[in-house]
Amino acid sequence: MAFNKATILLVDPDGAGRRALADNLISDGYDVLLAASFAASRRALNSHFVDLAIVSPDLPDGDGLGVISLVRQADRLASRIDADIPLLVVSGRSTELERVRYLEQGCDDFIARPYAYTELRARVNALLRRRQRGVATVRLRVGPLEVDALGRRAWLDRRPVHLSSKEFSLLRTLASDPGRVFSREELLEVVWGWSEPGASARTRTLDTHASRLRRKLAADGVNFVINVWGVGYRLTDAVEPMMAAELRAS
């Protein structure tokens, strides 16, 4: 049984083997994304929300360790890649050294070829069950505002709030420590990856996104996103009145 129509990324350069495994997974109710190279896996991880990845060690432009490193080193606040995606390595090399090497680098499970599909499916389900238990602990709540850090979703008074990728990353960063003032430089570096000195003085990007986020979170004339003049922004659960002029300007 598939877990909530889970999305599985299958990274394997073997076209026939990739297609056969994908057909089995699809028949069992999973959504499947296919990638034949490291570059293709990176594109898939950056453009889709993936629940689990099955990775081959042998790729034409790298190896499975590169995929594992890409996932495990992803910025948990700013990256679109979920650093906690379960990773299952499927390899034709089944030596103890090979298994230990991949497990030490961050894969969650390792299965050797040839394998029985039923065994692979059981391992996939075990990893997804583990993930489901973990996801429940990654919900951030700030008053009536709820943020699903992994699912990249937000609700206000249980109603969904539709945010762009950068708006969500900004909200997730602020919600990680409600009440704390995040400096402009810190937010630009975490959300946009800009670390150049003086970047905050040369761009209005942060202010534009903060204004849009403030407007989308505005409910009954209240304000969650607070601009601390000359410093940065903070998120508050002590809901503060929003001036009408500020709401119109945003």
C-alpha atoms as a PDB file:
ATOM      1  CA  MET A   1       0.000   0.000   0.000  1.00  0.00           C
ATOM      2  CA  ALA A   2       1.371   3.437  -0.956  1.00  0.00           C
ATOM      3  CA  PHE A   3       1.592   6.071   1.764  1.00  0.00           C
ATOM      4  CA  ASN A   4      -0.630   9.046   0.901  1.00  0.00           C
ATOM      5  CA  LYS A   5       0.335   8.841  -2.787  1.00  0.00           C
ATOM      6  CA  ALA A   6       3.993   9.274  -1.884  1.00  0.00           C
ATOM      7  CA  THR A   7       6.322  10.682  -4.544  1.00  0.00           C
ATOM      8  CA  ILE A   8       9.426   8.579  -5.182  1.00  0.00           C
ATOM      9  CA  LEU A   9      12.419   9.798  -7.170  1.00  0.00           C
ATOM     10  CA  LEU A  10      14.138   6.945  -9.022  1.00  0.00           C
ATOM     11  CA  VAL A  11      17.741   7.791  -9.983  1.00  0.00           C
ATOM     12  CA  ASP A  12      19.168   5.122 -12.302  1.00  0.00           C
ATOM     13  CA  PRO A  13      20.942   5.322 -15.682  1.00  0.00           C
ATOM     14  CA  ASP A  14      19.686   1.853 -16.708  1.00  0.00           C
ATOM     15  CA  GLY A  15      16.657   2.722 -18.818  1.00  0.00           C
ATOM     16  CA  ALA A  16      15.095  -0.746 -18.881  1.00  0.00           C
ATOM     17  CA  GLY A  17      15.636  -1.394 -15.180  1.00  0.00           C
ATOM     18  CA  ARG A  18      14.438   2.101 -14.278  1.00  0.00           C
ATOM     19  CA  ARG A  19      11.259   1.702 -16.300  1.00  0.00           C
ATOM     20  CA  ALA A  20      10.487  -1.768 -14.909  1.00  0.00           C
ATOM     21  CA  LEU A  21      10.866  -0.607 -11.299  1.00  0.00           C
ATOM     22  CA  ALA A  22       8.866   2.542 -12.010  1.00  0.00           C
ATOM     23  CA  ASP A  23       6.022   0.472 -13.499  1.00  0.00           C
ATOM     24  CA  ASN A  24       5.876  -1.671 -10.362  1.00  0.00           C
ATOM     25  CA  LEU A  25       5.894   1.332  -8.050  1.00  0.00           C
ATOM     26  CA  ILE A  26       3.206   3.100 -10.079  1.00  0.00           C
ATOM     27  CA  SER A  27       1.073  -0.057 -10.008  1.00  0.00           C
ATOM     28  CA  ASP A  28       1.350   0.011  -6.227  1.00  0.00           C
ATOM     29  CA  GLY A  29       0.020   3.574  -6.095  1.00  0.00           C
ATOM     30  CA  TYR A  30       3.165   5.677  -5.853  1.00  0.00           C
ATOM     31  CA  ASP A  31       3.926   8.753  -7.926  1.00  0.00           C
ATOM     32  CA  VAL A  32       7.316   8.247  -9.593  1.00  0.00           C
ATOM     33  CA  LEU A  33       9.848  10.738 -10.943  1.00  0.00           C
ATOM     34  CA  LEU A  34      12.640   9.431 -13.176  1.00  0.00           C
ATOM     35  CA  ALA A  35      16.234  10.654 -13.409  1.00  0.00           C
ATOM     36  CA  ALA A  36      19.049   9.040 -15.395  1.00  0.00           C
ATOM     37  CA  SER A  37      21.893  11.231 -14.113  1.00  0.00           C
ATOM     38  CA  PHE A  38      23.047  13.351 -11.197  1.00  0.00           C
ATOM     39  CA  ALA A  39      22.104  16.542 -13.053  1.00  0.00           C
ATOM     40  CA  ALA A  40      18.598  15.223 -13.727  1.00  0.00           C
ATOM     41  CA  SER A  41      18.182  14.208 -10.079  1.00  0.00           C
ATOM     42  CA  ARG A  42      19.208  17.688  -8.955  1.00  0.00           C
ATOM     43  CA  ARG A  43      16.629  19.268 -11.272  1.00  0.00           C
ATOM     44  CA  ALA A  44      13.936  16.912  -9.996  1.00  0.00           C
ATOM     45  CA  LEU A  45      14.747  17.555  -6.339  1.00  0.00           C
ATOM     46  CA  ASN A  46      14.676  21.316  -6.871  1.00  0.00           C
ATOM     47  CA  SER A  47      11.384  21.330  -8.771  1.00  0.00           C
ATOM     48  CA  HIS A  48       9.311  18.673  -6.959  1.00  0.00           C
ATOM     49  CA  PHE A  49       8.502  17.704  -3.402  1.00  0.00           C
ATOM     50  CA  VAL A  50       9.948  14.206  -3.026  1.00  0.00           C
ATOM     51  CA  ASP A  51       9.072  11.797  -0.202  1.00  0.00           C
ATOM     52  CA  LEU A  52      11.807   9.223  -0.889  1.00  0.00           C
ATOM     53  CA  ALA A  53      14.626   8.646  -3.386  1.00  0.00           C
ATOM     54  CA  ILE A  54      15.922   5.322  -4.710  1.00  0.00           C
ATOM     55  CA  VAL A  55      19.478   5.875  -5.938  1.00  0.00           C
ATOM     56  CA  SER A  56      21.922   3.864  -8.051  1.00  0.00           C
ATOM     57  CA  PRO A  57      25.637   4.339  -7.256  1.00  0.00           C
ATOM     58  CA  ASP A  58      26.630   4.424 -10.939  1.00  0.00           C
ATOM     59  CA  LEU A  59      25.640   7.593 -12.789  1.00  0.00           C
ATOM     60  CA  PRO A  60      27.099   8.952 -16.040  1.00  0.00           C
ATOM     61  CA  ASP A  61      28.011  12.300 -14.491  1.00  0.00           C
ATOM     62  CA  GLY A  62      28.858  11.253 -10.947  1.00  0.00           C
ATOM     63  CA  ASP A  63      27.752   8.646  -8.448  1.00  0.00           C
ATOM     64  CA  GLY A  64      25.121   7.976  -5.822  1.00  0.00           C
ATOM     65  CA  LEU A  65      27.258   9.634  -3.170  1.00  0.00           C
ATOM     66  CA  GLY A  66      26.805  12.915  -5.023  1.00  0.00           C
ATOM     67  CA  VAL A  67      23.022  12.609  -4.781  1.00  0.00           C
ATOM     68  CA  ILE A  68      23.257  11.772  -1.077  1.00  0.00           C
ATOM     69  CA  SER A  69      25.533  14.756  -0.465  1.00  0.00           C
ATOM     70  CA  LEU A  70      23.189  17.055  -2.418  1.00  0.00           C
ATOM     71  CA  VAL A  71      20.274  16.039  -0.198  1.00  0.00           C
ATOM     72  CA  ARG A  72      21.965  15.804   3.181  1.00  0.00           C
ATOM     73  CA  GLN A  73      23.821  19.126   2.806  1.00  0.00           C
ATOM     74  CA  ALA A  74      20.744  21.060   1.650  1.00  0.00           C
ATOM     75  CA  ASP A  75      19.996  24.198   3.657  1.00  0.00           C
ATOM     76  CA  ARG A  76      17.011  23.297   5.819  1.00  0.00           C
ATOM     77  CA  LEU A  77      15.694  26.868   5.746  1.00  0.00           C
ATOM     78  CA  ALA A  78      16.481  28.211   2.309  1.00  0.00           C
ATOM     79  CA  SER A  79      16.725  25.206  -0.020  1.00  0.00           C
ATOM     80  CA  ARG A  80      13.816  23.670  -1.900  1.00  0.00           C
ATOM     81  CA  ILE A  81      15.433  20.273  -1.272  1.00  0.00           C
ATOM     82  CA  ASP A  82      14.315  18.499   1.892  1.00  0.00           C
ATOM     83  CA  ALA A  83      17.521  17.430   3.645  1.00  0.00           C
ATOM     84  CA  ASP A  84      15.659  14.652   5.484  1.00  0.00           C
ATOM     85  CA  ILE A  85      14.350  12.739   2.454  1.00  0.00           C
ATOM     86  CA  PRO A  86      14.801   8.985   3.054  1.00  0.00           C
ATOM     87  CA  LEU A  87      17.442   7.586   0.684  1.00  0.00           C
ATOM     88  CA  LEU A  88      17.538   3.946  -0.441  1.00  0.00           C
ATOM     89  CA  VAL A  89      20.609   2.855  -2.409  1.00  0.00           C
ATOM     90  CA  VAL A  90      20.201  -0.045  -4.876  1.00  0.00           C
ATOM     91  CA  SER A  91      23.594  -1.413  -5.960  1.00  0.00           C
ATOM     92  CA  GLY A  92      25.080  -4.297  -7.880  1.00  0.00           C
ATOM     93  CA  ARG A  93      28.079  -4.110  -5.562  1.00  0.00           C
ATOM     94  CA  SER A  94      27.114  -5.610  -2.230  1.00  0.00           C
ATOM     95  CA  THR A  95      30.374  -5.773  -0.327  1.00  0.00           C
ATOM     96  CA  GLU A  96      30.385  -4.783   3.318  1.00  0.00           C
ATOM     97  CA  LEU A  97      32.676  -1.847   2.496  1.00  0.00           C
ATOM     98  CA  GLU A  98      30.257  -0.560  -0.135  1.00  0.00           C
ATOM     99  CA  ARG A  99      27.270  -0.743   2.228  1.00  0.00           C
ATOM    100  CA  VAL A 100      29.113   0.905   5.108  1.00  0.00           C
ATOM    101  CA  ARG A 101      30.417   3.643   2.802  1.00  0.00           C
ATOM    102  CA  TYR A 102      26.940   4.684   1.735  1.00  0.00           C
ATOM    103  CA  LEU A 103      25.367   4.340   5.173  1.00  0.00           C
ATOM    104  CA  GLU A 104      28.082   6.524   6.687  1.00  0.00           C
ATOM    105  CA  GLN A 105      27.474   9.198   4.052  1.00  0.00           C
ATOM    106  CA  GLY A 106      23.782   9.434   4.931  1.00  0.00           C
ATOM    107  CA  CYS A 107      21.723   6.859   3.060  1.00  0.00           C
ATOM    108  CA  ASP A 108      19.001   5.228   5.165  1.00  0.00           C
ATOM    109  CA  ASP A 109      19.013   1.756   3.643  1.00  0.00           C
ATOM    110  CA  PHE A 110      20.932  -0.342   1.113  1.00  0.00           C
ATOM    111  CA  ILE A 111      19.721  -3.247  -1.018  1.00  0.00           C
ATOM    112  CA  ALA A 112      21.817  -5.352  -3.393  1.00  0.00           C
ATOM    113  CA  ARG A 113      20.936  -6.393  -6.917  1.00  0.00           C
ATOM    114  CA  PRO A 114      19.395  -8.738  -7.824  1.00  0.00           C
ATOM    115  CA  TYR A 115      16.555  -8.220  -5.373  1.00  0.00           C
ATOM    116  CA  ALA A 116      12.932  -9.238  -5.018  1.00  0.00           C
ATOM    117  CA  TYR A 117      10.575  -6.329  -5.706  1.00  0.00           C
ATOM    118  CA  THR A 118       8.475  -7.320  -2.680  1.00  0.00           C
ATOM    119  CA  GLU A 119      11.521  -6.824  -0.440  1.00  0.00           C
ATOM    120  CA  LEU A 120      12.290  -3.434  -1.966  1.00  0.00           C
ATOM    121  CA  ARG A 121       8.669  -2.359  -1.529  1.00  0.00           C
ATOM    122  CA  ALA A 122       8.760  -3.442   2.135  1.00  0.00           C
ATOM    123  CA  ARG A 123      11.898  -1.352   2.687  1.00  0.00           C
ATOM    124  CA  VAL A 124      10.309   1.635   0.931  1.00  0.00           C
ATOM    125  CA  ASN A 125       7.227   1.390   3.147  1.00  0.00           C
ATOM    126  CA  ALA A 126       9.365   1.120   6.289  1.00  0.00           C
ATOM    127  CA  LEU A 127      11.256   4.296   5.337  1.00  0.00           C
ATOM    128  CA  LEU A 128       8.020   6.144   4.550  1.00  0.00           C
ATOM    129  CA  ARG A 129       6.507   5.111   7.889  1.00  0.00           C
ATOM    130  CA  ARG A 130       9.573   6.478   9.644  1.00  0.00           C
ATOM    131  CA  ARG A 131       9.301   9.693   7.657  1.00  0.00           C
ATOM    132  CA  GLN A 132       5.627  10.132   8.508  1.00  0.00           C
ATOM    133  CA  ARG A 133       6.399   9.884  12.210  1.00  0.00           C
ATOM    134  CA  GLY A 134       9.091  12.553  11.831  1.00  0.00           C
ATOM    135  CA  VAL A 135       7.083  14.955   9.715  1.00  0.00           C
ATOM    136  CA  ALA A 136       4.536  15.406  12.479  1.00  0.00           C
ATOM    137  CA  THR A 137       7.230  17.085  14.597  1.00  0.00           C
ATOM    138  CA  VAL A 138       8.187  19.655  11.941  1.00  0.00           C
ATOM    139  CA  ARG A 139       5.047  21.774  12.237  1.00  0.00           C
ATOM    140  CA  LEU A 140       5.680  25.273  13.532  1.00  0.00           C
ATOM    141  CA  ARG A 141       2.826  27.089  15.272  1.00  0.00           C
ATOM    142  CA  VAL A 142       2.711  30.802  15.963  1.00  0.00           C
ATOM    143  CA  GLY A 143      -0.664  31.720  17.416  1.00  0.00           C
ATOM    144  CA  PRO A 144      -3.290  30.881  14.751  1.00  0.00           C
ATOM    145  CA  LEU A 145      -0.544  30.514  12.135  1.00  0.00           C
ATOM    146  CA  GLU A 146       0.756  27.010  11.313  1.00  0.00           C
ATOM    147  CA  VAL A 147       3.748  26.254   9.087  1.00  0.00           C
ATOM    148  CA  ASP A 148       4.579  22.824   7.667  1.00  0.00           C
ATOM    149  CA  ALA A 149       8.339  23.159   7.218  1.00  0.00           C
ATOM    150  CA  LEU A 150       8.761  20.002   5.109  1.00  0.00           C
ATOM    151  CA  GLY A 151       5.554  20.170   3.096  1.00  0.00           C
ATOM    152  CA  ARG A 152       6.103  23.894   2.441  1.00  0.00           C
ATOM    153  CA  ARG A 153       2.523  24.738   3.380  1.00  0.00           C
ATOM    154  CA  ALA A 154       1.009  27.314   5.708  1.00  0.00           C
ATOM    155  CA  TRP A 155      -2.392  27.847   7.297  1.00  0.00           C
ATOM    156  CA  LEU A 156      -3.936  30.790   9.106  1.00  0.00           C
ATOM    157  CA  ASP A 157      -6.908  29.932  11.302  1.00  0.00           C
ATOM    158  CA  ARG A 158      -6.859  26.545   9.519  1.00  0.00           C
ATOM    159  CA  ARG A 159      -7.254  28.188   6.107  1.00  0.00           C
ATOM    160  CA  PRO A 160      -4.450  27.592   3.571  1.00  0.00           C
ATOM    161  CA  VAL A 161      -2.196  30.531   2.737  1.00  0.00           C
ATOM    162  CA  HIS A 162      -0.825  30.426  -0.803  1.00  0.00           C
ATOM    163  CA  LEU A 163       2.789  31.608  -0.856  1.00  0.00           C
ATOM    164  CA  SER A 164       5.559  31.786  -3.423  1.00  0.00           C
ATOM    165  CA  SER A 165       8.738  29.792  -2.781  1.00  0.00           C
ATOM    166  CA  LYS A 166      10.646  32.785  -1.389  1.00  0.00           C
ATOM    167  CA  GLU A 167       7.670  34.008   0.641  1.00  0.00           C
ATOM    168  CA  PHE A 168       7.432  30.586   2.259  1.00  0.00           C
ATOM    169  CA  SER A 169      11.185  30.437   2.937  1.00  0.00           C
ATOM    170  CA  LEU A 170      10.979  33.867   4.560  1.00  0.00           C
ATOM    171  CA  LEU A 171       8.001  32.807   6.690  1.00  0.00           C
ATOM    172  CA  ARG A 172       9.668  29.537   7.698  1.00  0.00           C
ATOM    173  CA  THR A 173      12.802  31.389   8.761  1.00  0.00           C
ATOM    174  CA  LEU A 174      10.877  33.916  10.853  1.00  0.00           C
ATOM    175  CA  ALA A 175       8.643  31.190  12.343  1.00  0.00           C
ATOM    176  CA  SER A 176      11.674  29.153  13.423  1.00  0.00           C
ATOM    177  CA  ASP A 177      12.189  31.634  16.285  1.00  0.00           C
ATOM    178  CA  PRO A 178       9.064  33.804  16.823  1.00  0.00           C
ATOM    179  CA  GLY A 179       9.767  37.123  18.472  1.00  0.00           C
ATOM    180  CA  ARG A 180      13.423  37.171  17.487  1.00  0.00           C
ATOM    181  CA  VAL A 181      14.486  40.011  15.216  1.00  0.00           C
ATOM    182  CA  PHE A 182      16.265  38.636  12.131  1.00  0.00           C
ATOM    183  CA  SER A 183      18.602  41.178  10.594  1.00  0.00           C
ATOM    184  CA  ARG A 184      18.202  42.149   6.951  1.00  0.00           C
ATOM    185  CA  GLU A 185      21.636  40.719   6.136  1.00  0.00           C
ATOM    186  CA  GLU A 186      20.779  37.414   7.842  1.00  0.00           C
ATOM    187  CA  LEU A 187      17.498  37.035   5.956  1.00  0.00           C
ATOM    188  CA  LEU A 188      19.094  37.862   2.617  1.00  0.00           C
ATOM    189  CA  GLU A 189      21.759  35.236   3.215  1.00  0.00           C
ATOM    190  CA  VAL A 190      19.437  32.490   4.506  1.00  0.00           C
ATOM    191  CA  VAL A 191      16.555  32.974   2.052  1.00  0.00           C
ATOM    192  CA  TRP A 192      18.338  34.301  -1.043  1.00  0.00           C
ATOM    193  CA  GLY A 193      21.917  33.135  -0.494  1.00  0.00           C
ATOM    194  CA  TRP A 194      23.298  36.689  -0.681  1.00  0.00           C
ATOM    195  CA  SER A 195      26.266  37.109   1.626  1.00  0.00           C
ATOM    196  CA  GLU A 196      27.954  40.130   0.061  1.00  0.00           C
ATOM    197  CA  PRO A 197      28.623  42.987   2.510  1.00  0.00           C
ATOM    198  CA  GLY A 198      26.130  45.808   2.093  1.00  0.00           C
ATOM    199  CA  ALA A 199      23.693  43.727   0.028  1.00  0.00           C
ATOM    200  CA  SER A 200      20.737  44.892   2.126  1.00  0.00           C
ATOM    201  CA  ALA A 201      21.402  48.514   1.187  1.00  0.00           C
ATOM    202  CA  ARG A 202      21.409  47.746  -2.548  1.00  0.00           C
ATOM    203  CA  THR A 203      18.159  45.802  -2.932  1.00  0.00           C
ATOM    204  CA  ARG A 204      14.494  46.085  -2.034  1.00  0.00           C
ATOM    205  CA  THR A 205      13.908  42.362  -2.609  1.00  0.00           C
ATOM    206  CA  LEU A 206      13.521  41.548   1.084  1.00  0.00           C
ATOM    207  CA  ASP A 207      11.146  44.443   1.726  1.00  0.00           C
ATOM    208  CA  THR A 208       9.036  43.531  -1.304  1.00  0.00           C
ATOM    209  CA  HIS A 209       8.658  39.910  -0.237  1.00  0.00           C
ATOM    210  CA  ALA A 210       8.071  40.839   3.419  1.00  0.00           C
ATOM    211  CA  SER A 211       5.348  43.247   2.326  1.00  0.00           C
ATOM    212  CA  ARG A 212       3.632  40.571   0.235  1.00  0.00           C
ATOM    213  CA  LEU A 213       3.916  38.052   3.058  1.00  0.00           C
ATOM    214  CA  ARG A 214       2.474  40.574   5.525  1.00  0.00           C
ATOM    215  CA  ARG A 215      -0.475  41.197   3.229  1.00  0.00           C
ATOM    216  CA  LYS A 216      -1.179  37.480   2.724  1.00  0.00           C
ATOM    217  CA  LEU A 217      -1.094  36.855   6.477  1.00  0.00           C
ATOM    218  CA  ALA A 218      -3.249  39.874   7.256  1.00  0.00           C
ATOM    219  CA  ALA A 219      -6.538  38.803   8.810  1.00  0.00           C
ATOM    220  CA  ASP A 220      -9.087  41.154  10.355  1.00  0.00           C
ATOM    221  CA  GLY A 221      -6.582  43.998  10.182  1.00  0.00           C
ATOM    222  CA  VAL A 222      -3.838  42.279  12.194  1.00  0.00           C
ATOM    223  CA  ASN A 223      -0.130  42.042  11.515  1.00  0.00           C
ATOM    224  CA  PHE A 224       2.157  39.046  11.986  1.00  0.00           C
ATOM    225  CA  VAL A 225       5.248  40.302  10.163  1.00  0.00           C
ATOM    226  CA  ILE A 226       6.834  43.204  12.023  1.00  0.00           C
ATOM    227  CA  ASN A 227       9.372  45.517  10.424  1.00  0.00           C
ATOM    228  CA  VAL A 228      11.935  46.583  13.015  1.00  0.00           C
ATOM    229  CA  TRP A 229      13.177  49.770  11.382  1.00  0.00           C
ATOM    230  CA  GLY A 230      16.861  49.846  10.660  1.00  0.00           C
ATOM    231  CA  VAL A 231      17.363  46.235  11.806  1.00  0.00           C
ATOM    232  CA  GLY A 232      15.184  43.629  10.075  1.00  0.00           C
ATOM    233  CA  TYR A 233      11.987  41.631  10.624  1.00  0.00           C
ATOM    234  CA  ARG A 234      10.371  39.443  13.216  1.00  0.00           C
ATOM    235  CA  LEU A 235       7.247  37.307  13.492  1.00  0.00           C
ATOM    236  CA  THR A 236       4.945  37.807  16.428  1.00  0.00           C
ATOM    237  CA  ASP A 237       2.174  35.735  17.961  1.00  0.00           C
ATOM    238  CA  ALA A 238       1.057  38.756  19.964  1.00  0.00           C
ATOM    239  CA  VAL A 239      -0.955  39.957  16.979  1.00  0.00           C
ATOM    240  CA  GLU A 240      -0.465  43.666  16.446  1.00  0.00           C
ATOM    241  CA  PRO A 241      -2.797  46.107  14.661  1.00  0.00           C
ATOM    242  CA  MET A 242      -1.829  46.926  11.082  1.00  0.00           C
ATOM    243  CA  MET A 243      -2.182  50.517   9.976  1.00  0.00           C
ATOM    244  CA  ALA A 244      -4.559  50.894   7.037  1.00  0.00           C
ATOM    245  CA  ALA A 245      -1.985  52.890   5.049  1.00  0.00           C
ATOM    246  CA  GLU A 246       0.601  50.153   5.486  1.00  0.00           C
ATOM    247  CA  LEU A 247      -1.868  47.481   4.364  1.00  0.00           C
ATOM    248  CA  ARG A 248      -2.779  49.473   1.246  1.00  0.00           C
ATOM    249  CA  ALA A 249       0.885  50.134   0.423  1.00  0.00           C
ATOM    250  CA  SER A 250       1.768  46.426   0.596  1.00  0.00           C
END
